[in-house]
Amino acid sequence: MSRSLRLVRRQKTLPPARIRKFPQPYERRTRPYARLPRLPAHPQRHRAGADRASRILRLRTPAEGPGQSTRVLTHHFADKNALLTAVLQRLDERQHEALRATTGWDDPAVPVSEVVRSAWHRNLSPGELGMTRLIREIEGLAASGRLTLPHPGFVRGHAEFVASCLVHRGLSDAAALTCATLLNSAFSSLQADLLITGDHERVEAALDALCAGVDAQVAGVA
């Protein structure tokens, strides 16, 4: 038998090839999930969220943001800027509460310099150092244009709050607001200088000069 004939017979006796059926590719859902509307947060939950965010942001940079692992913090806020604004406002509230509790805040007999130095040492104490760094960083990001705060009135609001202390000591509303604006700006800049350089002697000498100037202005209207 020829070779070609044997090949033909062999092909006829082979079983038919099996056709493998592969599963159909997975079809992804194209319908977007419905997003629940954002409900206004209760003031206490809003402050609690801001407090929690402030503790987390002390371990991260505000420019980096809360991060994927803490997205739950933005549930009650429109976006990252709104979250950081709430954090800054909450930190400002805590500062105001601490200043009101400072001995001599409402007592004209106590020099303003004592109130200023008390706030200085408290802000740089281990318990508040992280908060102080966070405030300075958020303010720096806002000043550089890298962070747009929807309600930047906290700067004027803090000046008005400090001005109330000076009004108790005889300054007019306008003079007190000008003096408080200068005091707050110099105070923040000196804190930033100390945090950057660690030069306590030079910075605290400048703080003494600042306090003496404020006391002299208050004494001038007494």
N, C-alpha and C. Protein backbone atom coordinates (compact mmCIF):
# COMPACT_ATOMS: atom_id res chain seq x y z
N MET A 1 0.87 -1.19 0.00
CA MET A 1 0.00 0.00 0.00
C MET A 1 0.89 1.23 0.00
N SER A 2 0.51 2.15 -0.81
CA SER A 2 1.36 3.35 -0.94
C SER A 2 1.23 4.22 0.30
N ARG A 3 2.21 5.03 0.48
CA ARG A 3 2.26 5.94 1.65
C ARG A 3 1.10 6.91 1.64
N SER A 4 0.74 7.45 0.50
CA SER A 4 -0.35 8.43 0.40
C SER A 4 -1.68 7.81 0.77
N LEU A 5 -1.90 6.51 0.37
CA LEU A 5 -3.16 5.86 0.70
C LEU A 5 -3.26 5.62 2.21
N ARG A 6 -2.16 5.23 2.85
CA ARG A 6 -2.20 5.03 4.30
C ARG A 6 -2.54 6.31 5.04
N LEU A 7 -2.04 7.46 4.60
CA LEU A 7 -2.33 8.74 5.23
C LEU A 7 -3.80 9.11 5.12
N VAL A 8 -4.40 8.82 3.94
CA VAL A 8 -5.82 9.13 3.74
C VAL A 8 -6.67 8.30 4.69
N ARG A 9 -6.39 6.98 4.82
CA ARG A 9 -7.15 6.13 5.73
C ARG A 9 -7.01 6.58 7.19
N ARG A 10 -5.83 7.01 7.54
CA ARG A 10 -5.60 7.44 8.93
C ARG A 10 -6.41 8.70 9.24
N GLN A 11 -6.48 9.63 8.29
CA GLN A 11 -7.26 10.86 8.50
C GLN A 11 -8.74 10.56 8.67
N LYS A 12 -9.26 9.53 7.96
CA LYS A 12 -10.68 9.20 8.05
C LYS A 12 -11.02 8.57 9.40
N THR A 13 -10.07 7.86 10.04
CA THR A 13 -10.36 7.18 11.31
C THR A 13 -10.14 8.08 12.54
N LEU A 14 -9.54 9.30 12.39
CA LEU A 14 -9.31 10.19 13.53
C LEU A 14 -10.64 10.76 14.05
N PRO A 15 -10.82 10.86 15.36
CA PRO A 15 -12.07 11.45 15.89
C PRO A 15 -12.13 12.94 15.56
N PRO A 16 -13.34 13.45 15.45
CA PRO A 16 -13.45 14.89 15.16
C PRO A 16 -12.87 15.73 16.29
N ALA A 17 -12.27 16.81 15.91
CA ALA A 17 -11.64 17.70 16.90
C ALA A 17 -12.71 18.33 17.80
N ARG A 18 -12.38 18.39 19.07
CA ARG A 18 -13.30 19.03 20.02
C ARG A 18 -13.14 20.55 19.98
N ILE A 19 -14.25 21.21 20.02
CA ILE A 19 -14.23 22.68 20.00
C ILE A 19 -14.38 23.17 21.43
N ARG A 20 -13.36 23.84 21.91
CA ARG A 20 -13.40 24.38 23.27
C ARG A 20 -14.19 25.69 23.30
N LYS A 21 -15.08 25.76 24.22
CA LYS A 21 -15.88 26.98 24.36
C LYS A 21 -15.34 27.80 25.54
N PHE A 22 -14.79 28.95 25.20
CA PHE A 22 -14.26 29.83 26.23
C PHE A 22 -15.38 30.68 26.82
N PRO A 23 -15.32 31.00 28.07
CA PRO A 23 -16.38 31.84 28.67
C PRO A 23 -16.36 33.24 28.06
N GLN A 24 -17.53 33.85 28.03
CA GLN A 24 -17.63 35.20 27.50
C GLN A 24 -16.90 36.17 28.42
N PRO A 25 -16.27 37.17 27.83
CA PRO A 25 -15.57 38.16 28.67
C PRO A 25 -16.53 38.84 29.62
N TYR A 26 -15.98 39.22 30.81
CA TYR A 26 -16.81 39.85 31.83
C TYR A 26 -17.25 41.22 31.36
N GLU A 27 -18.52 41.48 31.46
CA GLU A 27 -19.06 42.77 31.03
C GLU A 27 -19.19 43.66 32.27
N ARG A 28 -18.45 44.75 32.25
CA ARG A 28 -18.47 45.67 33.37
C ARG A 28 -19.74 46.49 33.35
N ARG A 29 -20.21 46.82 34.51
CA ARG A 29 -21.40 47.64 34.58
C ARG A 29 -21.07 49.07 34.17
N THR A 30 -21.84 49.58 33.28
CA THR A 30 -21.61 50.94 32.81
C THR A 30 -22.49 51.96 33.51
N ARG A 31 -23.51 51.49 34.21
CA ARG A 31 -24.39 52.42 34.88
C ARG A 31 -23.71 52.93 36.15
N PRO A 32 -23.52 54.22 36.29
CA PRO A 32 -22.85 54.73 37.50
C PRO A 32 -23.71 54.52 38.73
N TYR A 33 -23.01 54.34 39.84
CA TYR A 33 -23.73 54.19 41.09
C TYR A 33 -24.32 55.54 41.50
N ALA A 34 -25.48 55.52 42.06
CA ALA A 34 -26.11 56.76 42.50
C ALA A 34 -25.37 57.28 43.73
N ARG A 35 -25.06 58.57 43.72
CA ARG A 35 -24.34 59.18 44.82
C ARG A 35 -25.33 59.87 45.74
N LEU A 36 -25.23 59.56 47.01
CA LEU A 36 -26.14 60.15 47.96
C LEU A 36 -25.85 61.64 48.11
N PRO A 37 -26.88 62.45 48.26
CA PRO A 37 -26.64 63.89 48.42
C PRO A 37 -25.92 64.18 49.72
N ARG A 38 -25.08 65.21 49.71
CA ARG A 38 -24.32 65.59 50.91
C ARG A 38 -25.24 66.34 51.85
N LEU A 39 -25.38 65.84 53.05
CA LEU A 39 -26.25 66.46 54.03
C LEU A 39 -25.45 67.41 54.90
N PRO A 40 -26.06 68.51 55.32
CA PRO A 40 -25.34 69.42 56.20
C PRO A 40 -25.00 68.75 57.52
N ALA A 41 -23.75 68.90 57.93
CA ALA A 41 -23.29 68.23 59.15
C ALA A 41 -23.78 68.98 60.37
N HIS A 42 -24.06 68.23 61.41
CA HIS A 42 -24.39 68.84 62.69
C HIS A 42 -23.14 69.57 63.20
N PRO A 43 -23.32 70.75 63.81
CA PRO A 43 -22.14 71.52 64.26
C PRO A 43 -21.17 70.71 65.11
N GLN A 44 -21.70 69.85 66.00
CA GLN A 44 -20.80 69.06 66.84
C GLN A 44 -20.03 68.05 66.02
N ARG A 45 -20.70 67.39 65.06
CA ARG A 45 -19.99 66.43 64.20
C ARG A 45 -19.01 67.17 63.31
N HIS A 46 -19.37 68.38 62.87
CA HIS A 46 -18.47 69.18 62.03
C HIS A 46 -17.19 69.50 62.79
N ARG A 47 -17.33 69.93 64.05
CA ARG A 47 -16.14 70.23 64.86
C ARG A 47 -15.35 68.97 65.16
N ALA A 48 -16.07 67.87 65.40
CA ALA A 48 -15.36 66.61 65.68
C ALA A 48 -14.56 66.17 64.46
N GLY A 49 -15.14 66.33 63.27
CA GLY A 49 -14.41 65.98 62.05
C GLY A 49 -13.20 66.86 61.85
N ALA A 50 -13.34 68.16 62.15
CA ALA A 50 -12.21 69.08 62.03
C ALA A 50 -11.12 68.73 63.04
N ASP A 51 -11.53 68.36 64.27
CA ASP A 51 -10.54 67.97 65.28
C ASP A 51 -9.78 66.72 64.85
N ARG A 52 -10.52 65.74 64.32
CA ARG A 52 -9.86 64.49 63.88
C ARG A 52 -8.93 64.77 62.72
N ALA A 53 -9.38 65.61 61.78
CA ALA A 53 -8.54 65.94 60.64
C ALA A 53 -7.28 66.67 61.07
N SER A 54 -7.40 67.54 62.06
CA SER A 54 -6.22 68.28 62.52
C SER A 54 -5.19 67.34 63.12
N ARG A 55 -5.66 66.30 63.85
CA ARG A 55 -4.71 65.33 64.42
C ARG A 55 -4.01 64.55 63.32
N ILE A 56 -4.74 64.21 62.25
CA ILE A 56 -4.14 63.45 61.15
C ILE A 56 -3.19 64.32 60.35
N LEU A 57 -3.58 65.56 60.10
CA LEU A 57 -2.75 66.44 59.28
C LEU A 57 -1.45 66.84 59.98
N ARG A 58 -1.40 66.69 61.30
CA ARG A 58 -0.14 66.94 61.99
C ARG A 58 0.92 65.91 61.59
N LEU A 59 0.47 64.75 61.11
CA LEU A 59 1.39 63.70 60.68
C LEU A 59 1.60 63.70 59.18
N ARG A 60 0.83 64.53 58.44
CA ARG A 60 0.94 64.63 57.00
C ARG A 60 1.07 66.09 56.66
N THR A 61 1.43 66.39 55.41
CA THR A 61 1.48 67.78 54.99
C THR A 61 0.13 68.19 54.45
N PRO A 62 -0.38 69.39 54.79
CA PRO A 62 -1.66 69.83 54.24
C PRO A 62 -1.67 69.86 52.72
N ALA A 63 -0.52 70.13 52.09
CA ALA A 63 -0.47 70.14 50.63
C ALA A 63 -0.74 68.76 50.07
N GLU A 64 -0.33 67.71 50.80
CA GLU A 64 -0.57 66.34 50.36
C GLU A 64 -2.02 65.95 50.55
N GLY A 65 -2.65 66.54 51.58
CA GLY A 65 -4.06 66.28 51.80
C GLY A 65 -4.29 65.09 52.70
N PRO A 66 -5.56 64.78 52.98
CA PRO A 66 -5.87 63.70 53.91
C PRO A 66 -5.39 62.34 53.45
N GLY A 67 -5.31 62.09 52.13
CA GLY A 67 -4.86 60.80 51.64
C GLY A 67 -6.01 59.84 51.46
N GLN A 68 -5.75 58.76 50.70
CA GLN A 68 -6.80 57.80 50.39
C GLN A 68 -7.34 57.10 51.64
N SER A 69 -6.47 56.86 52.61
CA SER A 69 -6.90 56.11 53.79
C SER A 69 -7.79 56.90 54.71
N THR A 70 -7.87 58.22 54.52
CA THR A 70 -8.68 59.06 55.40
C THR A 70 -9.72 59.84 54.62
N ARG A 71 -10.15 59.33 53.46
CA ARG A 71 -11.15 60.02 52.67
C ARG A 71 -12.47 60.17 53.41
N VAL A 72 -12.68 59.32 54.39
CA VAL A 72 -13.93 59.41 55.13
C VAL A 72 -14.07 60.76 55.81
N LEU A 73 -12.96 61.44 56.07
CA LEU A 73 -13.02 62.75 56.72
C LEU A 73 -13.70 63.79 55.85
N THR A 74 -13.67 63.62 54.54
CA THR A 74 -14.24 64.62 53.65
C THR A 74 -15.74 64.42 53.46
N HIS A 75 -16.35 63.49 54.19
CA HIS A 75 -17.77 63.21 53.99
C HIS A 75 -18.62 64.45 54.25
N HIS A 76 -18.26 65.22 55.27
CA HIS A 76 -19.06 66.38 55.64
C HIS A 76 -18.51 67.67 55.04
N PHE A 77 -17.53 67.58 54.13
CA PHE A 77 -16.94 68.77 53.54
C PHE A 77 -16.97 68.67 52.02
N ALA A 78 -17.07 69.82 51.37
CA ALA A 78 -17.22 69.84 49.92
C ALA A 78 -15.95 69.33 49.22
N ASP A 79 -14.77 69.72 49.70
CA ASP A 79 -13.52 69.32 49.09
C ASP A 79 -12.40 69.50 50.11
N LYS A 80 -11.15 69.29 49.64
CA LYS A 80 -10.01 69.38 50.55
C LYS A 80 -9.85 70.79 51.12
N ASN A 81 -10.08 71.81 50.28
CA ASN A 81 -9.94 73.18 50.77
C ASN A 81 -10.95 73.47 51.87
N ALA A 82 -12.18 72.98 51.69
CA ALA A 82 -13.20 73.19 52.72
C ALA A 82 -12.81 72.47 54.02
N LEU A 83 -12.22 71.30 53.89
CA LEU A 83 -11.77 70.55 55.06
C LEU A 83 -10.68 71.31 55.80
N LEU A 84 -9.69 71.81 55.05
CA LEU A 84 -8.59 72.54 55.69
C LEU A 84 -9.08 73.85 56.30
N THR A 85 -10.06 74.49 55.63
CA THR A 85 -10.63 75.71 56.20
C THR A 85 -11.31 75.42 57.53
N ALA A 86 -12.07 74.31 57.58
CA ALA A 86 -12.73 73.94 58.84
C ALA A 86 -11.71 73.62 59.91
N VAL A 87 -10.62 72.96 59.52
CA VAL A 87 -9.56 72.65 60.49
C VAL A 87 -8.97 73.94 61.05
N LEU A 88 -8.66 74.89 60.15
CA LEU A 88 -8.04 76.14 60.60
C LEU A 88 -9.00 76.93 61.49
N GLN A 89 -10.27 76.97 61.11
CA GLN A 89 -11.25 77.68 61.94
C GLN A 89 -11.39 77.03 63.30
N ARG A 90 -11.36 75.70 63.33
CA ARG A 90 -11.46 75.00 64.61
C ARG A 90 -10.23 75.24 65.47
N LEU A 91 -9.05 75.25 64.86
CA LEU A 91 -7.84 75.56 65.61
C LEU A 91 -7.88 76.99 66.13
N ASP A 92 -8.44 77.90 65.33
CA ASP A 92 -8.57 79.29 65.75
C ASP A 92 -9.51 79.39 66.95
N GLU A 93 -10.60 78.63 66.92
CA GLU A 93 -11.52 78.62 68.06
C GLU A 93 -10.82 78.14 69.32
N ARG A 94 -10.01 77.11 69.16
CA ARG A 94 -9.31 76.57 70.33
C ARG A 94 -8.31 77.59 70.87
N GLN A 95 -7.66 78.35 69.98
CA GLN A 95 -6.75 79.39 70.43
C GLN A 95 -7.50 80.48 71.19
N HIS A 96 -8.67 80.86 70.67
CA HIS A 96 -9.46 81.90 71.33
C HIS A 96 -9.88 81.43 72.73
N GLU A 97 -10.29 80.16 72.83
CA GLU A 97 -10.68 79.63 74.14
C GLU A 97 -9.50 79.67 75.11
N ALA A 98 -8.31 79.34 74.61
CA ALA A 98 -7.13 79.35 75.48
C ALA A 98 -6.77 80.78 75.89
N LEU A 99 -6.92 81.74 74.97
CA LEU A 99 -6.60 83.13 75.30
C LEU A 99 -7.59 83.68 76.33
N ARG A 100 -8.87 83.34 76.17
CA ARG A 100 -9.86 83.80 77.15
C ARG A 100 -9.56 83.26 78.54
N ALA A 101 -9.00 82.06 78.58
CA ALA A 101 -8.67 81.44 79.88
C ALA A 101 -7.36 81.93 80.45
N THR A 102 -6.60 82.74 79.66
CA THR A 102 -5.31 83.24 80.14
C THR A 102 -5.54 84.28 81.23
N THR A 103 -4.78 84.18 82.29
CA THR A 103 -4.90 85.13 83.39
C THR A 103 -4.58 86.54 82.91
N GLY A 104 -5.53 87.46 83.16
CA GLY A 104 -5.32 88.85 82.78
C GLY A 104 -5.87 89.24 81.44
N TRP A 105 -6.51 88.32 80.71
CA TRP A 105 -7.04 88.67 79.39
C TRP A 105 -8.03 89.83 79.48
N ASP A 106 -8.94 89.78 80.43
CA ASP A 106 -9.94 90.83 80.58
C ASP A 106 -9.61 91.82 81.69
N ASP A 107 -8.41 91.74 82.23
CA ASP A 107 -8.03 92.61 83.35
C ASP A 107 -7.07 93.70 82.86
N PRO A 108 -7.54 94.95 82.79
CA PRO A 108 -6.66 96.03 82.31
C PRO A 108 -5.41 96.24 83.16
N ALA A 109 -5.44 95.75 84.41
CA ALA A 109 -4.28 95.92 85.27
C ALA A 109 -3.13 95.01 84.87
N VAL A 110 -3.42 93.97 84.11
CA VAL A 110 -2.37 93.04 83.67
C VAL A 110 -1.80 93.53 82.35
N PRO A 111 -0.48 93.72 82.22
CA PRO A 111 0.11 94.18 80.95
C PRO A 111 -0.16 93.21 79.81
N VAL A 112 -0.32 93.77 78.63
CA VAL A 112 -0.55 92.93 77.45
C VAL A 112 0.63 91.99 77.24
N SER A 113 1.82 92.45 77.59
CA SER A 113 3.01 91.63 77.38
C SER A 113 2.92 90.30 78.11
N GLU A 114 2.30 90.27 79.29
CA GLU A 114 2.17 89.02 80.02
C GLU A 114 1.25 88.05 79.29
N VAL A 115 0.19 88.57 78.70
CA VAL A 115 -0.73 87.73 77.93
C VAL A 115 -0.02 87.18 76.70
N VAL A 116 0.76 88.04 76.03
CA VAL A 116 1.47 87.63 74.82
C VAL A 116 2.50 86.55 75.14
N ARG A 117 3.27 86.75 76.20
CA ARG A 117 4.29 85.76 76.55
C ARG A 117 3.65 84.43 76.99
N SER A 118 2.53 84.51 77.67
CA SER A 118 1.84 83.28 78.07
C SER A 118 1.39 82.50 76.84
N ALA A 119 0.84 83.21 75.84
CA ALA A 119 0.43 82.56 74.60
C ALA A 119 1.64 81.99 73.86
N TRP A 120 2.74 82.71 73.87
CA TRP A 120 3.97 82.26 73.19
C TRP A 120 4.45 80.93 73.76
N HIS A 121 4.58 80.86 75.08
CA HIS A 121 5.08 79.63 75.71
C HIS A 121 4.08 78.48 75.55
N ARG A 122 2.79 78.79 75.59
CA ARG A 122 1.80 77.73 75.42
C ARG A 122 1.83 77.17 74.00
N ASN A 123 1.93 78.03 72.99
CA ASN A 123 1.96 77.59 71.60
C ASN A 123 3.17 76.71 71.29
N LEU A 124 4.29 76.97 71.98
CA LEU A 124 5.51 76.23 71.72
C LEU A 124 5.74 75.08 72.70
N SER A 125 4.77 74.83 73.58
CA SER A 125 4.88 73.72 74.52
C SER A 125 4.66 72.41 73.77
N PRO A 126 5.14 71.29 74.31
CA PRO A 126 4.98 70.00 73.62
C PRO A 126 3.53 69.67 73.30
N GLY A 127 2.59 70.11 74.15
CA GLY A 127 1.19 69.78 73.92
C GLY A 127 0.57 70.52 72.75
N GLU A 128 1.12 71.69 72.37
CA GLU A 128 0.53 72.50 71.31
C GLU A 128 1.48 72.73 70.14
N LEU A 129 2.68 72.21 70.20
CA LEU A 129 3.65 72.48 69.14
C LEU A 129 3.16 71.96 67.79
N GLY A 130 2.57 70.76 67.78
CA GLY A 130 2.06 70.22 66.52
C GLY A 130 0.98 71.09 65.92
N MET A 131 0.08 71.61 66.76
CA MET A 131 -0.98 72.49 66.28
C MET A 131 -0.39 73.79 65.75
N THR A 132 0.60 74.33 66.42
CA THR A 132 1.23 75.57 65.98
C THR A 132 1.90 75.39 64.61
N ARG A 133 2.61 74.30 64.43
CA ARG A 133 3.24 74.03 63.14
C ARG A 133 2.18 73.90 62.04
N LEU A 134 1.07 73.23 62.35
CA LEU A 134 0.02 73.04 61.36
C LEU A 134 -0.59 74.37 60.95
N ILE A 135 -0.85 75.26 61.90
CA ILE A 135 -1.41 76.58 61.59
C ILE A 135 -0.45 77.36 60.71
N ARG A 136 0.82 77.39 61.08
CA ARG A 136 1.79 78.13 60.29
C ARG A 136 1.88 77.57 58.86
N GLU A 137 1.78 76.24 58.73
CA GLU A 137 1.90 75.63 57.40
C GLU A 137 0.68 75.96 56.53
N ILE A 138 -0.51 75.88 57.10
CA ILE A 138 -1.71 76.21 56.33
C ILE A 138 -1.69 77.67 55.91
N GLU A 139 -1.30 78.54 56.81
CA GLU A 139 -1.21 79.97 56.47
C GLU A 139 -0.17 80.19 55.37
N GLY A 140 0.96 79.48 55.44
CA GLY A 140 1.99 79.62 54.41
C GLY A 140 1.50 79.15 53.06
N LEU A 141 0.77 78.04 53.01
CA LEU A 141 0.23 77.54 51.75
C LEU A 141 -0.78 78.52 51.16
N ALA A 142 -1.61 79.12 52.02
CA ALA A 142 -2.60 80.09 51.55
C ALA A 142 -1.91 81.34 51.03
N ALA A 143 -0.87 81.80 51.73
CA ALA A 143 -0.16 83.01 51.31
C ALA A 143 0.59 82.80 50.00
N SER A 144 1.07 81.58 49.75
CA SER A 144 1.82 81.30 48.52
C SER A 144 0.92 81.02 47.33
N GLY A 145 -0.39 80.94 47.55
CA GLY A 145 -1.31 80.67 46.46
C GLY A 145 -1.50 79.20 46.16
N ARG A 146 -0.88 78.32 46.94
CA ARG A 146 -1.01 76.88 46.71
C ARG A 146 -2.26 76.30 47.35
N LEU A 147 -2.91 77.10 48.18
CA LEU A 147 -4.13 76.65 48.85
C LEU A 147 -5.10 77.82 48.88
N THR A 148 -6.27 77.63 48.26
CA THR A 148 -7.28 78.67 48.23
C THR A 148 -8.31 78.37 49.30
N LEU A 149 -8.40 79.25 50.27
CA LEU A 149 -9.36 79.05 51.35
C LEU A 149 -10.66 79.76 50.99
N PRO A 150 -11.79 79.06 51.02
CA PRO A 150 -13.06 79.69 50.66
C PRO A 150 -13.42 80.87 51.56
N HIS A 151 -13.03 80.81 52.83
CA HIS A 151 -13.38 81.86 53.78
C HIS A 151 -12.13 82.30 54.54
N PRO A 152 -11.32 83.18 53.92
CA PRO A 152 -10.07 83.57 54.58
C PRO A 152 -10.26 84.61 55.68
N GLY A 153 -11.51 84.84 56.13
CA GLY A 153 -11.76 85.84 57.15
C GLY A 153 -11.19 85.51 58.50
N PHE A 154 -10.64 84.30 58.67
CA PHE A 154 -10.07 83.94 59.97
C PHE A 154 -8.92 84.86 60.35
N VAL A 155 -8.22 85.42 59.36
CA VAL A 155 -7.09 86.31 59.66
C VAL A 155 -7.60 87.59 60.31
N ARG A 156 -8.59 88.23 59.67
CA ARG A 156 -9.17 89.44 60.26
C ARG A 156 -9.91 89.10 61.56
N GLY A 157 -10.58 87.96 61.58
CA GLY A 157 -11.31 87.58 62.78
C GLY A 157 -10.39 87.43 63.98
N HIS A 158 -9.22 86.86 63.77
CA HIS A 158 -8.27 86.72 64.88
C HIS A 158 -7.75 88.08 65.32
N ALA A 159 -7.53 88.99 64.36
CA ALA A 159 -7.10 90.34 64.72
C ALA A 159 -8.17 91.06 65.53
N GLU A 160 -9.42 90.90 65.14
CA GLU A 160 -10.52 91.53 65.88
C GLU A 160 -10.62 90.96 67.29
N PHE A 161 -10.37 89.65 67.41
CA PHE A 161 -10.44 89.04 68.73
C PHE A 161 -9.35 89.60 69.64
N VAL A 162 -8.12 89.69 69.14
CA VAL A 162 -7.03 90.24 69.96
C VAL A 162 -7.27 91.72 70.23
N ALA A 163 -7.89 92.41 69.28
CA ALA A 163 -8.18 93.84 69.48
C ALA A 163 -9.12 94.06 70.67
N SER A 164 -10.00 93.09 70.91
CA SER A 164 -10.92 93.24 72.04
C SER A 164 -10.16 93.30 73.36
N CYS A 165 -9.03 92.61 73.43
CA CYS A 165 -8.19 92.68 74.63
C CYS A 165 -7.61 94.08 74.80
N LEU A 166 -7.26 94.72 73.70
CA LEU A 166 -6.67 96.06 73.76
C LEU A 166 -7.72 97.12 74.02
N VAL A 167 -8.93 96.91 73.55
CA VAL A 167 -10.01 97.87 73.82
C VAL A 167 -10.29 97.94 75.32
N HIS A 168 -10.20 96.79 76.01
CA HIS A 168 -10.38 96.77 77.46
C HIS A 168 -9.35 97.64 78.16
N ARG A 169 -8.24 97.90 77.49
CA ARG A 169 -7.16 98.67 78.09
C ARG A 169 -7.13 100.11 77.60
N GLY A 170 -8.20 100.56 76.94
CA GLY A 170 -8.35 101.98 76.62
C GLY A 170 -8.13 102.38 75.18
N LEU A 171 -7.69 101.48 74.31
CA LEU A 171 -7.48 101.86 72.91
C LEU A 171 -8.82 101.96 72.18
N SER A 172 -8.88 102.83 71.21
CA SER A 172 -10.08 102.93 70.38
C SER A 172 -10.19 101.68 69.51
N ASP A 173 -11.37 101.48 68.94
CA ASP A 173 -11.57 100.30 68.11
C ASP A 173 -10.59 100.27 66.94
N ALA A 174 -10.42 101.41 66.27
CA ALA A 174 -9.54 101.46 65.10
C ALA A 174 -8.08 101.25 65.51
N ALA A 175 -7.65 101.93 66.57
CA ALA A 175 -6.26 101.78 67.02
C ALA A 175 -5.99 100.37 67.52
N ALA A 176 -6.97 99.78 68.21
CA ALA A 176 -6.80 98.42 68.72
C ALA A 176 -6.69 97.42 67.58
N LEU A 177 -7.49 97.61 66.50
CA LEU A 177 -7.43 96.68 65.38
C LEU A 177 -6.09 96.79 64.65
N THR A 178 -5.58 98.02 64.50
CA THR A 178 -4.28 98.19 63.86
C THR A 178 -3.17 97.56 64.70
N CYS A 179 -3.20 97.82 66.00
CA CYS A 179 -2.18 97.26 66.89
C CYS A 179 -2.26 95.72 66.92
N ALA A 180 -3.47 95.17 66.95
CA ALA A 180 -3.64 93.72 66.99
C ALA A 180 -3.16 93.09 65.69
N THR A 181 -3.40 93.75 64.56
CA THR A 181 -2.93 93.23 63.27
C THR A 181 -1.41 93.16 63.25
N LEU A 182 -0.76 94.22 63.72
CA LEU A 182 0.70 94.23 63.79
C LEU A 182 1.21 93.17 64.77
N LEU A 183 0.54 93.06 65.91
CA LEU A 183 0.97 92.10 66.93
C LEU A 183 0.84 90.67 66.42
N ASN A 184 -0.29 90.35 65.78
CA ASN A 184 -0.49 88.98 65.28
C ASN A 184 0.51 88.63 64.20
N SER A 185 0.75 89.56 63.27
CA SER A 185 1.68 89.28 62.17
C SER A 185 3.10 89.09 62.69
N ALA A 186 3.52 89.96 63.61
CA ALA A 186 4.86 89.83 64.17
C ALA A 186 4.98 88.57 65.01
N PHE A 187 3.96 88.26 65.76
CA PHE A 187 3.95 87.05 66.61
C PHE A 187 4.09 85.79 65.75
N SER A 188 3.31 85.71 64.66
CA SER A 188 3.38 84.54 63.78
C SER A 188 4.75 84.44 63.10
N SER A 189 5.27 85.57 62.66
CA SER A 189 6.57 85.56 61.98
C SER A 189 7.69 85.14 62.92
N LEU A 190 7.63 85.61 64.17
CA LEU A 190 8.65 85.21 65.14
C LEU A 190 8.55 83.73 65.46
N GLN A 191 7.33 83.21 65.53
CA GLN A 191 7.17 81.77 65.75
C GLN A 191 7.77 80.98 64.59
N ALA A 192 7.47 81.42 63.36
CA ALA A 192 8.02 80.73 62.19
C ALA A 192 9.54 80.79 62.20
N ASP A 193 10.10 81.95 62.56
CA ASP A 193 11.55 82.11 62.64
C ASP A 193 12.14 81.11 63.63
N LEU A 194 11.53 81.00 64.81
CA LEU A 194 12.06 80.09 65.83
C LEU A 194 11.93 78.64 65.39
N LEU A 195 10.81 78.28 64.76
CA LEU A 195 10.62 76.90 64.32
C LEU A 195 11.62 76.53 63.22
N ILE A 196 12.01 77.51 62.42
CA ILE A 196 12.97 77.24 61.34
C ILE A 196 14.40 77.21 61.85
N THR A 197 14.76 78.22 62.65
CA THR A 197 16.16 78.38 63.04
C THR A 197 16.50 77.78 64.39
N GLY A 198 15.52 77.74 65.31
CA GLY A 198 15.82 77.29 66.66
C GLY A 198 16.64 78.28 67.46
N ASP A 199 16.73 79.52 66.99
CA ASP A 199 17.54 80.54 67.64
C ASP A 199 16.70 81.25 68.72
N HIS A 200 16.63 80.67 69.90
CA HIS A 200 15.78 81.20 70.95
C HIS A 200 16.23 82.58 71.42
N GLU A 201 17.52 82.77 71.59
CA GLU A 201 18.01 84.04 72.14
C GLU A 201 17.64 85.22 71.26
N ARG A 202 17.92 85.12 69.97
CA ARG A 202 17.64 86.23 69.05
C ARG A 202 16.13 86.47 68.90
N VAL A 203 15.36 85.38 68.73
CA VAL A 203 13.92 85.52 68.49
C VAL A 203 13.20 86.02 69.73
N GLU A 204 13.57 85.53 70.89
CA GLU A 204 12.89 85.97 72.10
C GLU A 204 13.28 87.39 72.49
N ALA A 205 14.46 87.84 72.07
CA ALA A 205 14.81 89.26 72.26
C ALA A 205 13.90 90.13 71.40
N ALA A 206 13.61 89.67 70.20
CA ALA A 206 12.68 90.40 69.33
C ALA A 206 11.26 90.38 69.92
N LEU A 207 10.89 89.25 70.53
CA LEU A 207 9.58 89.16 71.18
C LEU A 207 9.49 90.16 72.33
N ASP A 208 10.57 90.31 73.10
CA ASP A 208 10.58 91.29 74.19
C ASP A 208 10.38 92.70 73.64
N ALA A 209 11.02 93.01 72.53
CA ALA A 209 10.86 94.34 71.93
C ALA A 209 9.43 94.55 71.45
N LEU A 210 8.83 93.50 70.89
CA LEU A 210 7.44 93.59 70.44
C LEU A 210 6.51 93.84 71.62
N CYS A 211 6.71 93.11 72.70
CA CYS A 211 5.87 93.29 73.88
C CYS A 211 6.03 94.69 74.48
N ALA A 212 7.25 95.18 74.51
CA ALA A 212 7.50 96.52 75.06
C ALA A 212 6.80 97.58 74.23
N GLY A 213 6.79 97.39 72.90
CA GLY A 213 6.12 98.36 72.03
C GLY A 213 4.61 98.37 72.25
N VAL A 214 4.02 97.19 72.41
CA VAL A 214 2.57 97.12 72.65
C VAL A 214 2.23 97.73 74.01
N ASP A 215 3.02 97.41 75.04
CA ASP A 215 2.76 97.98 76.36
C ASP A 215 2.89 99.50 76.33
N ALA A 216 3.86 100.03 75.58
CA ALA A 216 4.04 101.48 75.48
C ALA A 216 2.86 102.13 74.78
N GLN A 217 2.33 101.49 73.77
CA GLN A 217 1.17 102.06 73.08
C GLN A 217 -0.05 102.06 73.98
N VAL A 218 -0.24 101.01 74.76
CA VAL A 218 -1.37 100.97 75.70
C VAL A 218 -1.18 102.00 76.79
N ALA A 219 0.05 102.13 77.31
CA ALA A 219 0.32 103.09 78.37
C ALA A 219 0.13 104.53 77.88
N GLY A 220 0.31 104.77 76.58
CA GLY A 220 0.17 106.11 76.05
C GLY A 220 -1.23 106.64 76.08
N VAL A 221 -2.22 105.76 76.17
CA VAL A 221 -3.61 106.21 76.20
C VAL A 221 -4.21 106.09 77.60
N ALA A 222 -3.39 105.61 78.55
CA ALA A 222 -3.91 105.43 79.91
C ALA A 222 -4.09 106.77 80.60
